[in-house]
Amino acid sequence: ALDPFTLAALKMHVDKLDQEQRELGPDYHDHGVLFSWE
């Protein structure tokens, strides 16, 4: 279970992952991990 603080931080993190994936397009290496390089 995630506390509200951690949940909010992870929501921002996921948004950042989505942004990085959009920006890199086909050069993005999606390994499905939650914590990754850009």
PDB file of all heavy atoms in Angstrom:
ATOM      1  N   ALA A   1       0.867  -1.176   0.000  1.00  0.00           N
ATOM      2  CA  ALA A   1       0.000   0.000   0.000  1.00  0.00           C
ATOM      3  C   ALA A   1       0.903   1.225   0.000  1.00  0.00           C
ATOM      4  O   ALA A   1       1.945   1.236   0.644  1.00  0.00           O
ATOM      5  CB  ALA A   1      -0.886  -0.006   1.244  1.00  0.00           C
ATOM      6  N   LEU A   2       0.518   2.248  -0.736  1.00  0.00           N
ATOM      7  CA  LEU A   2       1.331   3.455  -0.845  1.00  0.00           C
ATOM      8  C   LEU A   2       0.683   4.589  -0.046  1.00  0.00           C
ATOM      9  O   LEU A   2      -0.518   4.834  -0.175  1.00  0.00           O
ATOM     10  CB  LEU A   2       1.487   3.857  -2.309  1.00  0.00           C
ATOM     11  CG  LEU A   2       2.130   2.800  -3.211  1.00  0.00           C
ATOM     12  CD1 LEU A   2       2.058   3.215  -4.670  1.00  0.00           C
ATOM     13  CD2 LEU A   2       3.571   2.541  -2.792  1.00  0.00           C
ATOM     14  N   ASP A   3       1.495   5.281   0.736  1.00  0.00           N
ATOM     15  CA  ASP A   3       1.001   6.433   1.485  1.00  0.00           C
ATOM     16  C   ASP A   3       0.765   7.585   0.505  1.00  0.00           C
ATOM     17  O   ASP A   3       1.281   7.574  -0.610  1.00  0.00           O
ATOM     18  CB  ASP A   3       2.019   6.831   2.565  1.00  0.00           C
ATOM     19  CG  ASP A   3       3.344   7.257   1.952  1.00  0.00           C
ATOM     20  OD1 ASP A   3       3.474   8.449   1.628  1.00  0.00           O
ATOM     21  OD2 ASP A   3       4.222   6.385   1.783  1.00  0.00           O
ATOM     22  N   PRO A   4      -0.023   8.586   0.898  1.00  0.00           N
ATOM     23  CA  PRO A   4      -0.347   9.693  -0.014  1.00  0.00           C
ATOM     24  C   PRO A   4       0.883  10.443  -0.549  1.00  0.00           C
ATOM     25  O   PRO A   4       0.910  10.835  -1.718  1.00  0.00           O
ATOM     26  CB  PRO A   4      -1.218  10.620   0.838  1.00  0.00           C
ATOM     27  CG  PRO A   4      -1.816   9.730   1.869  1.00  0.00           C
ATOM     28  CD  PRO A   4      -0.775   8.682   2.153  1.00  0.00           C
ATOM     29  N   PHE A   5       1.896  10.652   0.273  1.00  0.00           N
ATOM     30  CA  PHE A   5       3.104  11.361  -0.170  1.00  0.00           C
ATOM     31  C   PHE A   5       3.812  10.576  -1.272  1.00  0.00           C
ATOM     32  O   PHE A   5       4.166  11.127  -2.316  1.00  0.00           O
ATOM     33  CB  PHE A   5       4.050  11.586   1.014  1.00  0.00           C
ATOM     34  CG  PHE A   5       5.351  12.209   0.616  1.00  0.00           C
ATOM     35  CD1 PHE A   5       5.459  13.581   0.442  1.00  0.00           C
ATOM     36  CD2 PHE A   5       6.475  11.419   0.403  1.00  0.00           C
ATOM     37  CE1 PHE A   5       6.663  14.158   0.060  1.00  0.00           C
ATOM     38  CE2 PHE A   5       7.676  11.990   0.018  1.00  0.00           C
ATOM     39  CZ  PHE A   5       7.768  13.364  -0.152  1.00  0.00           C
ATOM     40  N   THR A   6       4.035   9.278  -1.029  1.00  0.00           N
ATOM     41  CA  THR A   6       4.718   8.432  -2.015  1.00  0.00           C
ATOM     42  C   THR A   6       3.889   8.314  -3.283  1.00  0.00           C
ATOM     43  O   THR A   6       4.423   8.363  -4.392  1.00  0.00           O
ATOM     44  CB  THR A   6       5.003   7.034  -1.419  1.00  0.00           C
ATOM     45  OG1 THR A   6       5.795   7.194  -0.238  1.00  0.00           O
ATOM     46  CG2 THR A   6       5.727   6.143  -2.400  1.00  0.00           C
ATOM     47  N   LEU A   7       2.582   8.185  -3.128  1.00  0.00           N
ATOM     48  CA  LEU A   7       1.697   8.071  -4.287  1.00  0.00           C
ATOM     49  C   LEU A   7       1.781   9.330  -5.158  1.00  0.00           C
ATOM     50  O   LEU A   7       1.888   9.248  -6.387  1.00  0.00           O
ATOM     51  CB  LEU A   7       0.261   7.826  -3.822  1.00  0.00           C
ATOM     52  CG  LEU A   7      -0.741   7.482  -4.895  1.00  0.00           C
ATOM     53  CD1 LEU A   7      -0.327   6.238  -5.672  1.00  0.00           C
ATOM     54  CD2 LEU A   7      -2.114   7.257  -4.264  1.00  0.00           C
ATOM     55  N   ALA A   8       1.782  10.497  -4.536  1.00  0.00           N
ATOM     56  CA  ALA A   8       1.887  11.761  -5.287  1.00  0.00           C
ATOM     57  C   ALA A   8       3.238  11.844  -6.011  1.00  0.00           C
ATOM     58  O   ALA A   8       3.298  12.255  -7.182  1.00  0.00           O
ATOM     59  CB  ALA A   8       1.710  12.950  -4.347  1.00  0.00           C
ATOM     60  N   ALA A   9       4.305  11.446  -5.337  1.00  0.00           N
ATOM     61  CA  ALA A   9       5.637  11.468  -5.959  1.00  0.00           C
ATOM     62  C   ALA A   9       5.694  10.505  -7.139  1.00  0.00           C
ATOM     63  O   ALA A   9       6.261  10.825  -8.194  1.00  0.00           O
ATOM     64  CB  ALA A   9       6.710  11.121  -4.932  1.00  0.00           C
ATOM     65  N   LEU A  10       5.085   9.330  -6.995  1.00  0.00           N
ATOM     66  CA  LEU A  10       5.093   8.355  -8.084  1.00  0.00           C
ATOM     67  C   LEU A  10       4.234   8.815  -9.256  1.00  0.00           C
ATOM     68  O   LEU A  10       4.559   8.539 -10.414  1.00  0.00           O
ATOM     69  CB  LEU A  10       4.648   6.979  -7.586  1.00  0.00           C
ATOM     70  CG  LEU A  10       5.699   6.226  -6.768  1.00  0.00           C
ATOM     71  CD1 LEU A  10       5.112   4.962  -6.162  1.00  0.00           C
ATOM     72  CD2 LEU A  10       6.918   5.887  -7.627  1.00  0.00           C
ATOM     73  N   LYS A  11       3.154   9.520  -8.989  1.00  0.00           N
ATOM     74  CA  LYS A  11       2.335  10.070 -10.082  1.00  0.00           C
ATOM     75  C   LYS A  11       3.166  11.049 -10.911  1.00  0.00           C
ATOM     76  O   LYS A  11       3.145  11.007 -12.143  1.00  0.00           O
ATOM     77  CB  LYS A  11       1.092  10.772  -9.525  1.00  0.00           C
ATOM     78  CG  LYS A  11       0.007   9.816  -9.086  1.00  0.00           C
ATOM     79  CD  LYS A  11      -1.202  10.571  -8.547  1.00  0.00           C
ATOM     80  CE  LYS A  11      -2.261   9.576  -8.094  1.00  0.00           C
ATOM     81  NZ  LYS A  11      -3.437  10.234  -7.522  1.00  0.00           N
ATOM     82  N   MET A  12       3.915  11.918 -10.244  1.00  0.00           N
ATOM     83  CA  MET A  12       4.781  12.854 -10.970  1.00  0.00           C
ATOM     84  C   MET A  12       5.869  12.108 -11.730  1.00  0.00           C
ATOM     85  O   MET A  12       6.212  12.463 -12.861  1.00  0.00           O
ATOM     86  CB  MET A  12       5.407  13.867 -10.000  1.00  0.00           C
ATOM     87  CG  MET A  12       4.416  14.865  -9.451  1.00  0.00           C
ATOM     88  SD  MET A  12       5.136  16.226  -8.499  1.00  0.00           S
ATOM     89  CE  MET A  12       6.119  15.393  -7.274  1.00  0.00           C
ATOM     90  N   HIS A  13       6.401  11.057 -11.107  1.00  0.00           N
ATOM     91  CA  HIS A  13       7.456  10.262 -11.746  1.00  0.00           C
ATOM     92  C   HIS A  13       6.928   9.585 -13.014  1.00  0.00           C
ATOM     93  O   HIS A  13       7.603   9.598 -14.054  1.00  0.00           O
ATOM     94  CB  HIS A  13       7.977   9.220 -10.749  1.00  0.00           C
ATOM     95  CG  HIS A  13       9.016   8.323 -11.309  1.00  0.00           C
ATOM     96  ND1 HIS A  13      10.286   8.757 -11.650  1.00  0.00           N
ATOM     97  CD2 HIS A  13       8.981   7.004 -11.624  1.00  0.00           C
ATOM     98  CE1 HIS A  13      10.989   7.741 -12.133  1.00  0.00           C
ATOM     99  NE2 HIS A  13      10.216   6.675 -12.137  1.00  0.00           N
ATOM    100  N   VAL A  14       5.739   9.028 -12.951  1.00  0.00           N
ATOM    101  CA  VAL A  14       5.146   8.360 -14.116  1.00  0.00           C
ATOM    102  C   VAL A  14       4.888   9.371 -15.232  1.00  0.00           C
ATOM    103  O   VAL A  14       5.125   9.075 -16.411  1.00  0.00           O
ATOM    104  CB  VAL A  14       3.855   7.612 -13.716  1.00  0.00           C
ATOM    105  CG1 VAL A  14       3.050   7.188 -14.936  1.00  0.00           C
ATOM    106  CG2 VAL A  14       4.200   6.390 -12.865  1.00  0.00           C
ATOM    107  N   ASP A  15       4.442  10.563 -14.869  1.00  0.00           N
ATOM    108  CA  ASP A  15       4.254  11.617 -15.878  1.00  0.00           C
ATOM    109  C   ASP A  15       5.577  11.928 -16.565  1.00  0.00           C
ATOM    110  O   ASP A  15       5.627  12.122 -17.787  1.00  0.00           O
ATOM    111  CB  ASP A  15       3.681  12.889 -15.238  1.00  0.00           C
ATOM    112  CG  ASP A  15       2.229  12.740 -14.828  1.00  0.00           C
ATOM    113  OD1 ASP A  15       1.561  11.785 -15.292  1.00  0.00           O
ATOM    114  OD2 ASP A  15       1.755  13.579 -14.026  1.00  0.00           O
ATOM    115  N   LYS A  16       6.649  11.968 -15.789  1.00  0.00           N
ATOM    116  CA  LYS A  16       7.991  12.233 -16.344  1.00  0.00           C
ATOM    117  C   LYS A  16       8.415  11.094 -17.274  1.00  0.00           C
ATOM    118  O   LYS A  16       8.981  11.336 -18.352  1.00  0.00           O
ATOM    119  CB  LYS A  16       8.995  12.415 -15.200  1.00  0.00           C
ATOM    120  CG  LYS A  16      10.388  12.740 -15.650  1.00  0.00           C
ATOM    121  CD  LYS A  16      10.483  14.136 -16.205  1.00  0.00           C
ATOM    122  CE  LYS A  16      11.932  14.495 -16.460  1.00  0.00           C
ATOM    123  NZ  LYS A  16      12.064  15.684 -17.260  1.00  0.00           N
ATOM    124  N   LEU A  17       8.137   9.853 -16.892  1.00  0.00           N
ATOM    125  CA  LEU A  17       8.460   8.706 -17.752  1.00  0.00           C
ATOM    126  C   LEU A  17       7.710   8.810 -19.079  1.00  0.00           C
ATOM    127  O   LEU A  17       8.284   8.556 -20.149  1.00  0.00           O
ATOM    128  CB  LEU A  17       8.097   7.394 -17.063  1.00  0.00           C
ATOM    129  CG  LEU A  17       8.931   6.957 -15.863  1.00  0.00           C
ATOM    130  CD1 LEU A  17       8.352   5.688 -15.249  1.00  0.00           C
ATOM    131  CD2 LEU A  17      10.381   6.747 -16.256  1.00  0.00           C
ATOM    132  N   ASP A  18       6.431   9.175 -19.007  1.00  0.00           N
ATOM    133  CA  ASP A  18       5.631   9.326 -20.223  1.00  0.00           C
ATOM    134  C   ASP A  18       6.210  10.406 -21.125  1.00  0.00           C
ATOM    135  O   ASP A  18       6.292  10.241 -22.342  1.00  0.00           O
ATOM    136  CB  ASP A  18       4.176   9.670 -19.869  1.00  0.00           C
ATOM    137  CG  ASP A  18       3.430   8.503 -19.256  1.00  0.00           C
ATOM    138  OD1 ASP A  18       3.879   7.346 -19.409  1.00  0.00           O
ATOM    139  OD2 ASP A  18       2.391   8.749 -18.603  1.00  0.00           O
ATOM    140  N   GLN A  19       6.622  11.516 -20.516  1.00  0.00           N
ATOM    141  CA  GLN A  19       7.202  12.624 -21.271  1.00  0.00           C
ATOM    142  C   GLN A  19       8.496  12.179 -21.963  1.00  0.00           C
ATOM    143  O   GLN A  19       8.711  12.466 -23.145  1.00  0.00           O
ATOM    144  CB  GLN A  19       7.483  13.800 -20.346  1.00  0.00           C
ATOM    145  CG  GLN A  19       8.135  14.975 -21.033  1.00  0.00           C
ATOM    146  CD  GLN A  19       8.536  16.071 -20.047  1.00  0.00           C
ATOM    147  OE1 GLN A  19       8.143  16.063 -18.886  1.00  0.00           O
ATOM    148  NE2 GLN A  19       9.334  17.000 -20.517  1.00  0.00           N
ATOM    149  N   GLU A  20       9.350  11.471 -21.239  1.00  0.00           N
ATOM    150  CA  GLU A  20      10.615  10.996 -21.813  1.00  0.00           C
ATOM    151  C   GLU A  20      10.355  10.042 -22.978  1.00  0.00           C
ATOM    152  O   GLU A  20      11.024  10.107 -24.010  1.00  0.00           O
ATOM    153  CB  GLU A  20      11.459  10.322 -20.740  1.00  0.00           C
ATOM    154  CG  GLU A  20      11.994  11.302 -19.712  1.00  0.00           C
ATOM    155  CD  GLU A  20      12.578  10.650 -18.471  1.00  0.00           C
ATOM    156  OE1 GLU A  20      12.433   9.419 -18.293  1.00  0.00           O
ATOM    157  OE2 GLU A  20      13.180  11.383 -17.679  1.00  0.00           O
ATOM    158  N   GLN A  21       9.362   9.172 -22.820  1.00  0.00           N
ATOM    159  CA  GLN A  21       9.041   8.215 -23.878  1.00  0.00           C
ATOM    160  C   GLN A  21       8.517   8.941 -25.122  1.00  0.00           C
ATOM    161  O   GLN A  21       8.899   8.606 -26.250  1.00  0.00           O
ATOM    162  CB  GLN A  21       8.020   7.191 -23.391  1.00  0.00           C
ATOM    163  CG  GLN A  21       7.792   6.064 -24.374  1.00  0.00           C
ATOM    164  CD  GLN A  21       7.007   4.916 -23.778  1.00  0.00           C
ATOM    165  OE1 GLN A  21       6.470   5.011 -22.684  1.00  0.00           O
ATOM    166  NE2 GLN A  21       6.938   3.822 -24.503  1.00  0.00           N
ATOM    167  N   ARG A  22       7.687   9.953 -24.919  1.00  0.00           N
ATOM    168  CA  ARG A  22       7.180  10.734 -26.056  1.00  0.00           C
ATOM    169  C   ARG A  22       8.322  11.467 -26.771  1.00  0.00           C
ATOM    170  O   ARG A  22       8.389  11.480 -28.004  1.00  0.00           O
ATOM    171  CB  ARG A  22       6.145  11.760 -25.585  1.00  0.00           C
ATOM    172  CG  ARG A  22       4.769  11.218 -25.350  1.00  0.00           C
ATOM    173  CD  ARG A  22       3.735  12.317 -25.149  1.00  0.00           C
ATOM    174  NE  ARG A  22       4.078  13.267 -24.092  1.00  0.00           N
ATOM    175  CZ  ARG A  22       3.800  13.116 -22.806  1.00  0.00           C
ATOM    176  NH1 ARG A  22       3.177  12.025 -22.395  1.00  0.00           N
ATOM    177  NH2 ARG A  22       4.140  14.023 -21.922  1.00  0.00           N
ATOM    178  N   GLU A  23       9.211  12.077 -25.989  1.00  0.00           N
ATOM    179  CA  GLU A  23      10.302  12.848 -26.571  1.00  0.00           C
ATOM    180  C   GLU A  23      11.291  11.977 -27.347  1.00  0.00           C
ATOM    181  O   GLU A  23      11.804  12.383 -28.387  1.00  0.00           O
ATOM    182  CB  GLU A  23      11.036  13.634 -25.486  1.00  0.00           C
ATOM    183  CG  GLU A  23      10.226  14.795 -24.944  1.00  0.00           C
ATOM    184  CD  GLU A  23      10.881  15.489 -23.761  1.00  0.00           C
ATOM    185  OE1 GLU A  23      11.998  15.076 -23.351  1.00  0.00           O
ATOM    186  OE2 GLU A  23      10.273  16.438 -23.220  1.00  0.00           O
ATOM    187  N   LEU A  24      11.573  10.786 -26.855  1.00  0.00           N
ATOM    188  CA  LEU A  24      12.551   9.917 -27.529  1.00  0.00           C
ATOM    189  C   LEU A  24      11.925   9.071 -28.634  1.00  0.00           C
ATOM    190  O   LEU A  24      12.641   8.576 -29.504  1.00  0.00           O
ATOM    191  CB  LEU A  24      13.252   9.021 -26.511  1.00  0.00           C
ATOM    192  CG  LEU A  24      14.295   9.710 -25.652  1.00  0.00           C
ATOM    193  CD1 LEU A  24      14.841   8.773 -24.597  1.00  0.00           C
ATOM    194  CD2 LEU A  24      15.430  10.253 -26.503  1.00  0.00           C
ATOM    195  N   GLY A  25      10.623   8.887 -28.552  1.00  0.00           N
ATOM    196  CA  GLY A  25       9.931   8.108 -29.586  1.00  0.00           C
ATOM    197  C   GLY A  25      10.534   6.735 -29.775  1.00  0.00           C
ATOM    198  O   GLY A  25      10.691   5.972 -28.827  1.00  0.00           O
ATOM    199  N   PRO A  26      10.942   6.405 -31.024  1.00  0.00           N
ATOM    200  CA  PRO A  26      11.468   5.061 -31.292  1.00  0.00           C
ATOM    201  C   PRO A  26      12.827   4.781 -30.630  1.00  0.00           C
ATOM    202  O   PRO A  26      13.248   3.631 -30.548  1.00  0.00           O
ATOM    203  CB  PRO A  26      11.586   5.013 -32.818  1.00  0.00           C
ATOM    204  CG  PRO A  26      11.572   6.424 -33.269  1.00  0.00           C
ATOM    205  CD  PRO A  26      10.835   7.220 -32.227  1.00  0.00           C
ATOM    206  N   ASP A  27      13.499   5.816 -30.155  1.00  0.00           N
ATOM    207  CA  ASP A  27      14.783   5.611 -29.478  1.00  0.00           C
ATOM    208  C   ASP A  27      14.615   5.250 -28.003  1.00  0.00           C
ATOM    209  O   ASP A  27      15.601   5.022 -27.299  1.00  0.00           O
ATOM    210  CB  ASP A  27      15.649   6.874 -29.592  1.00  0.00           C
ATOM    211  CG  ASP A  27      16.088   7.131 -31.025  1.00  0.00           C
ATOM    212  OD1 ASP A  27      16.261   6.142 -31.777  1.00  0.00           O
ATOM    213  OD2 ASP A  27      16.240   8.304 -31.383  1.00  0.00           O
ATOM    214  N   TYR A  28      13.374   5.222 -27.546  1.00  0.00           N
ATOM    215  CA  TYR A  28      13.102   4.863 -26.154  1.00  0.00           C
ATOM    216  C   TYR A  28      13.136   3.343 -26.024  1.00  0.00           C
ATOM    217  O   TYR A  28      12.504   2.628 -26.802  1.00  0.00           O
ATOM    218  CB  TYR A  28      11.739   5.410 -25.722  1.00  0.00           C
ATOM    219  CG  TYR A  28      11.461   5.290 -24.248  1.00  0.00           C
ATOM    220  CD1 TYR A  28      11.963   6.217 -23.348  1.00  0.00           C
ATOM    221  CD2 TYR A  28      10.697   4.236 -23.751  1.00  0.00           C
ATOM    222  CE1 TYR A  28      11.710   6.112 -21.991  1.00  0.00           C
ATOM    223  CE2 TYR A  28      10.439   4.120 -22.399  1.00  0.00           C
ATOM    224  CZ  TYR A  28      10.943   5.061 -21.518  1.00  0.00           C
ATOM    225  OH  TYR A  28      10.695   4.947 -20.172  1.00  0.00           O
ATOM    226  N   HIS A  29      13.879   2.844 -25.051  1.00  0.00           N
ATOM    227  CA  HIS A  29      14.015   1.393 -24.825  1.00  0.00           C
ATOM    228  C   HIS A  29      13.118   1.009 -23.654  1.00  0.00           C
ATOM    229  O   HIS A  29      13.564   1.007 -22.504  1.00  0.00           O
ATOM    230  CB  HIS A  29      15.470   1.027 -24.507  1.00  0.00           C
ATOM    231  CG  HIS A  29      16.439   1.487 -25.531  1.00  0.00           C
ATOM    232  ND1 HIS A  29      16.647   0.812 -26.705  1.00  0.00           N
ATOM    233  CD2 HIS A  29      17.235   2.582 -25.573  1.00  0.00           C
ATOM    234  CE1 HIS A  29      17.550   1.452 -27.424  1.00  0.00           C
ATOM    235  NE2 HIS A  29      17.915   2.531 -26.766  1.00  0.00           N
ATOM    236  N   ASP A  30      11.895   0.668 -23.953  1.00  0.00           N
ATOM    237  CA  ASP A  30      10.920   0.395 -22.889  1.00  0.00           C
ATOM    238  C   ASP A  30      11.131  -1.009 -22.319  1.00  0.00           C
ATOM    239  O   ASP A  30      10.813  -2.008 -22.950  1.00  0.00           O
ATOM    240  CB  ASP A  30       9.498   0.541 -23.423  1.00  0.00           C
ATOM    241  CG  ASP A  30       8.470   0.511 -22.313  1.00  0.00           C
ATOM    242  OD1 ASP A  30       8.847   0.377 -21.130  1.00  0.00           O
ATOM    243  OD2 ASP A  30       7.268   0.622 -22.631  1.00  0.00           O
ATOM    244  N   HIS A  31      11.688  -1.052 -21.106  1.00  0.00           N
ATOM    245  CA  HIS A  31      11.892  -2.322 -20.407  1.00  0.00           C
ATOM    246  C   HIS A  31      10.790  -2.557 -19.372  1.00  0.00           C
ATOM    247  O   HIS A  31      10.810  -3.561 -18.666  1.00  0.00           O
ATOM    248  CB  HIS A  31      13.263  -2.345 -19.723  1.00  0.00           C
ATOM    249  CG  HIS A  31      14.393  -2.455 -20.703  1.00  0.00           C
ATOM    250  ND1 HIS A  31      14.959  -3.646 -21.052  1.00  0.00           N
ATOM    251  CD2 HIS A  31      15.036  -1.499 -21.421  1.00  0.00           C
ATOM    252  CE1 HIS A  31      15.928  -3.435 -21.932  1.00  0.00           C
ATOM    253  NE2 HIS A  31      15.991  -2.142 -22.175  1.00  0.00           N
ATOM    254  N   GLY A  32       9.881  -1.596 -19.262  1.00  0.00           N
ATOM    255  CA  GLY A  32       8.752  -1.747 -18.347  1.00  0.00           C
ATOM    256  C   GLY A  32       9.073  -1.494 -16.890  1.00  0.00           C
ATOM    257  O   GLY A  32       8.221  -1.666 -16.028  1.00  0.00           O
ATOM    258  N   VAL A  33      10.294  -1.078 -16.587  1.00  0.00           N
ATOM    259  CA  VAL A  33      10.657  -0.845 -15.189  1.00  0.00           C
ATOM    260  C   VAL A  33      10.186   0.535 -14.752  1.00  0.00           C
ATOM    261  O   VAL A  33      10.072   1.467 -15.556  1.00  0.00           O
ATOM    262  CB  VAL A  33      12.173  -1.017 -14.930  1.00  0.00           C
ATOM    263  CG1 VAL A  33      12.592  -2.475 -15.125  1.00  0.00           C
ATOM    264  CG2 VAL A  33      12.988  -0.084 -15.790  1.00  0.00           C
ATOM    265  N   LEU A  34       9.913   0.654 -13.490  1.00  0.00           N
ATOM    266  CA  LEU A  34       9.420   1.905 -12.930  1.00  0.00           C
ATOM    267  C   LEU A  34      10.527   2.937 -12.784  1.00  0.00           C
ATOM    268  O   LEU A  34      10.301   4.134 -12.919  1.00  0.00           O
ATOM    269  CB  LEU A  34       8.758   1.627 -11.577  1.00  0.00           C
ATOM    270  CG  LEU A  34       8.031   2.767 -10.899  1.00  0.00           C
ATOM    271  CD1 LEU A  34       6.954   3.362 -11.802  1.00  0.00           C
ATOM    272  CD2 LEU A  34       7.404   2.287  -9.595  1.00  0.00           C
ATOM    273  N   PHE A  35      11.740   2.472 -12.527  1.00  0.00           N
ATOM    274  CA  PHE A  35      12.878   3.368 -12.357  1.00  0.00           C
ATOM    275  C   PHE A  35      13.886   3.076 -13.458  1.00  0.00           C
ATOM    276  O   PHE A  35      14.405   1.964 -13.540  1.00  0.00           O
ATOM    277  CB  PHE A  35      13.490   3.213 -10.966  1.00  0.00           C
ATOM    278  CG  PHE A  35      12.470   3.441  -9.886  1.00  0.00           C
ATOM    279  CD1 PHE A  35      11.967   2.384  -9.154  1.00  0.00           C
ATOM    280  CD2 PHE A  35      11.986   4.724  -9.635  1.00  0.00           C
ATOM    281  CE1 PHE A  35      11.002   2.601  -8.174  1.00  0.00           C
ATOM    282  CE2 PHE A  35      11.027   4.947  -8.672  1.00  0.00           C
ATOM    283  CZ  PHE A  35      10.527   3.883  -7.930  1.00  0.00           C
ATOM    284  N   SER A  36      14.107   4.084 -14.310  1.00  0.00           N
ATOM    285  CA  SER A  36      14.949   3.864 -15.486  1.00  0.00           C
ATOM    286  C   SER A  36      15.718   5.136 -15.824  1.00  0.00           C
ATOM    287  O   SER A  36      15.455   6.206 -15.277  1.00  0.00           O
ATOM    288  CB  SER A  36      14.068   3.472 -16.684  1.00  0.00           C
ATOM    289  OG  SER A  36      13.200   4.543 -17.037  1.00  0.00           O
ATOM    290  N   TRP A  37      16.646   4.983 -16.756  1.00  0.00           N
ATOM    291  CA  TRP A  37      17.317   6.132 -17.337  1.00  0.00           C
ATOM    292  C   TRP A  37      16.319   6.853 -18.228  1.00  0.00           C
ATOM    293  O   TRP A  37      15.250   6.320 -18.547  1.00  0.00           O
ATOM    294  CB  TRP A  37      18.536   5.699 -18.145  1.00  0.00           C
ATOM    295  CG  TRP A  37      19.637   5.101 -17.319  1.00  0.00           C
ATOM    296  CD1 TRP A  37      20.034   3.797 -17.299  1.00  0.00           C
ATOM    297  CD2 TRP A  37      20.477   5.786 -16.385  1.00  0.00           C
ATOM    298  NE1 TRP A  37      21.066   3.627 -16.411  1.00  0.00           N
ATOM    299  CE2 TRP A  37      21.356   4.844 -15.832  1.00  0.00           C
ATOM    300  CE3 TRP A  37      20.565   7.108 -15.963  1.00  0.00           C
ATOM    301  CZ2 TRP A  37      22.312   5.163 -14.885  1.00  0.00           C
ATOM    302  CZ3 TRP A  37      21.516   7.442 -15.018  1.00  0.00           C
ATOM    303  CH2 TRP A  37      22.379   6.480 -14.493  1.00  0.00           C
ATOM    304  N   GLU A  38      16.678   8.033 -18.683  1.00  0.00           N
ATOM    305  CA  GLU A  38      15.784   8.831 -19.528  1.00  0.00           C
ATOM    306  C   GLU A  38      15.370   8.106 -20.800  1.00  0.00           C
ATOM    307  O   GLU A  38      14.318   8.368 -21.360  1.00  0.00           O
ATOM    308  CB  GLU A  38      16.436  10.173 -19.895  1.00  0.00           C
ATOM    309  CG  GLU A  38      16.618  11.108 -18.724  1.00  0.00           C
ATOM    310  CD  GLU A  38      17.898  10.834 -17.932  1.00  0.00           C
ATOM    311  OE1 GLU A  38      18.666   9.898 -18.260  1.00  0.00           O
ATOM    312  OE2 GLU A  38      18.132  11.559 -16.952  1.00  0.00           O
TER     313      GLU A  38
END
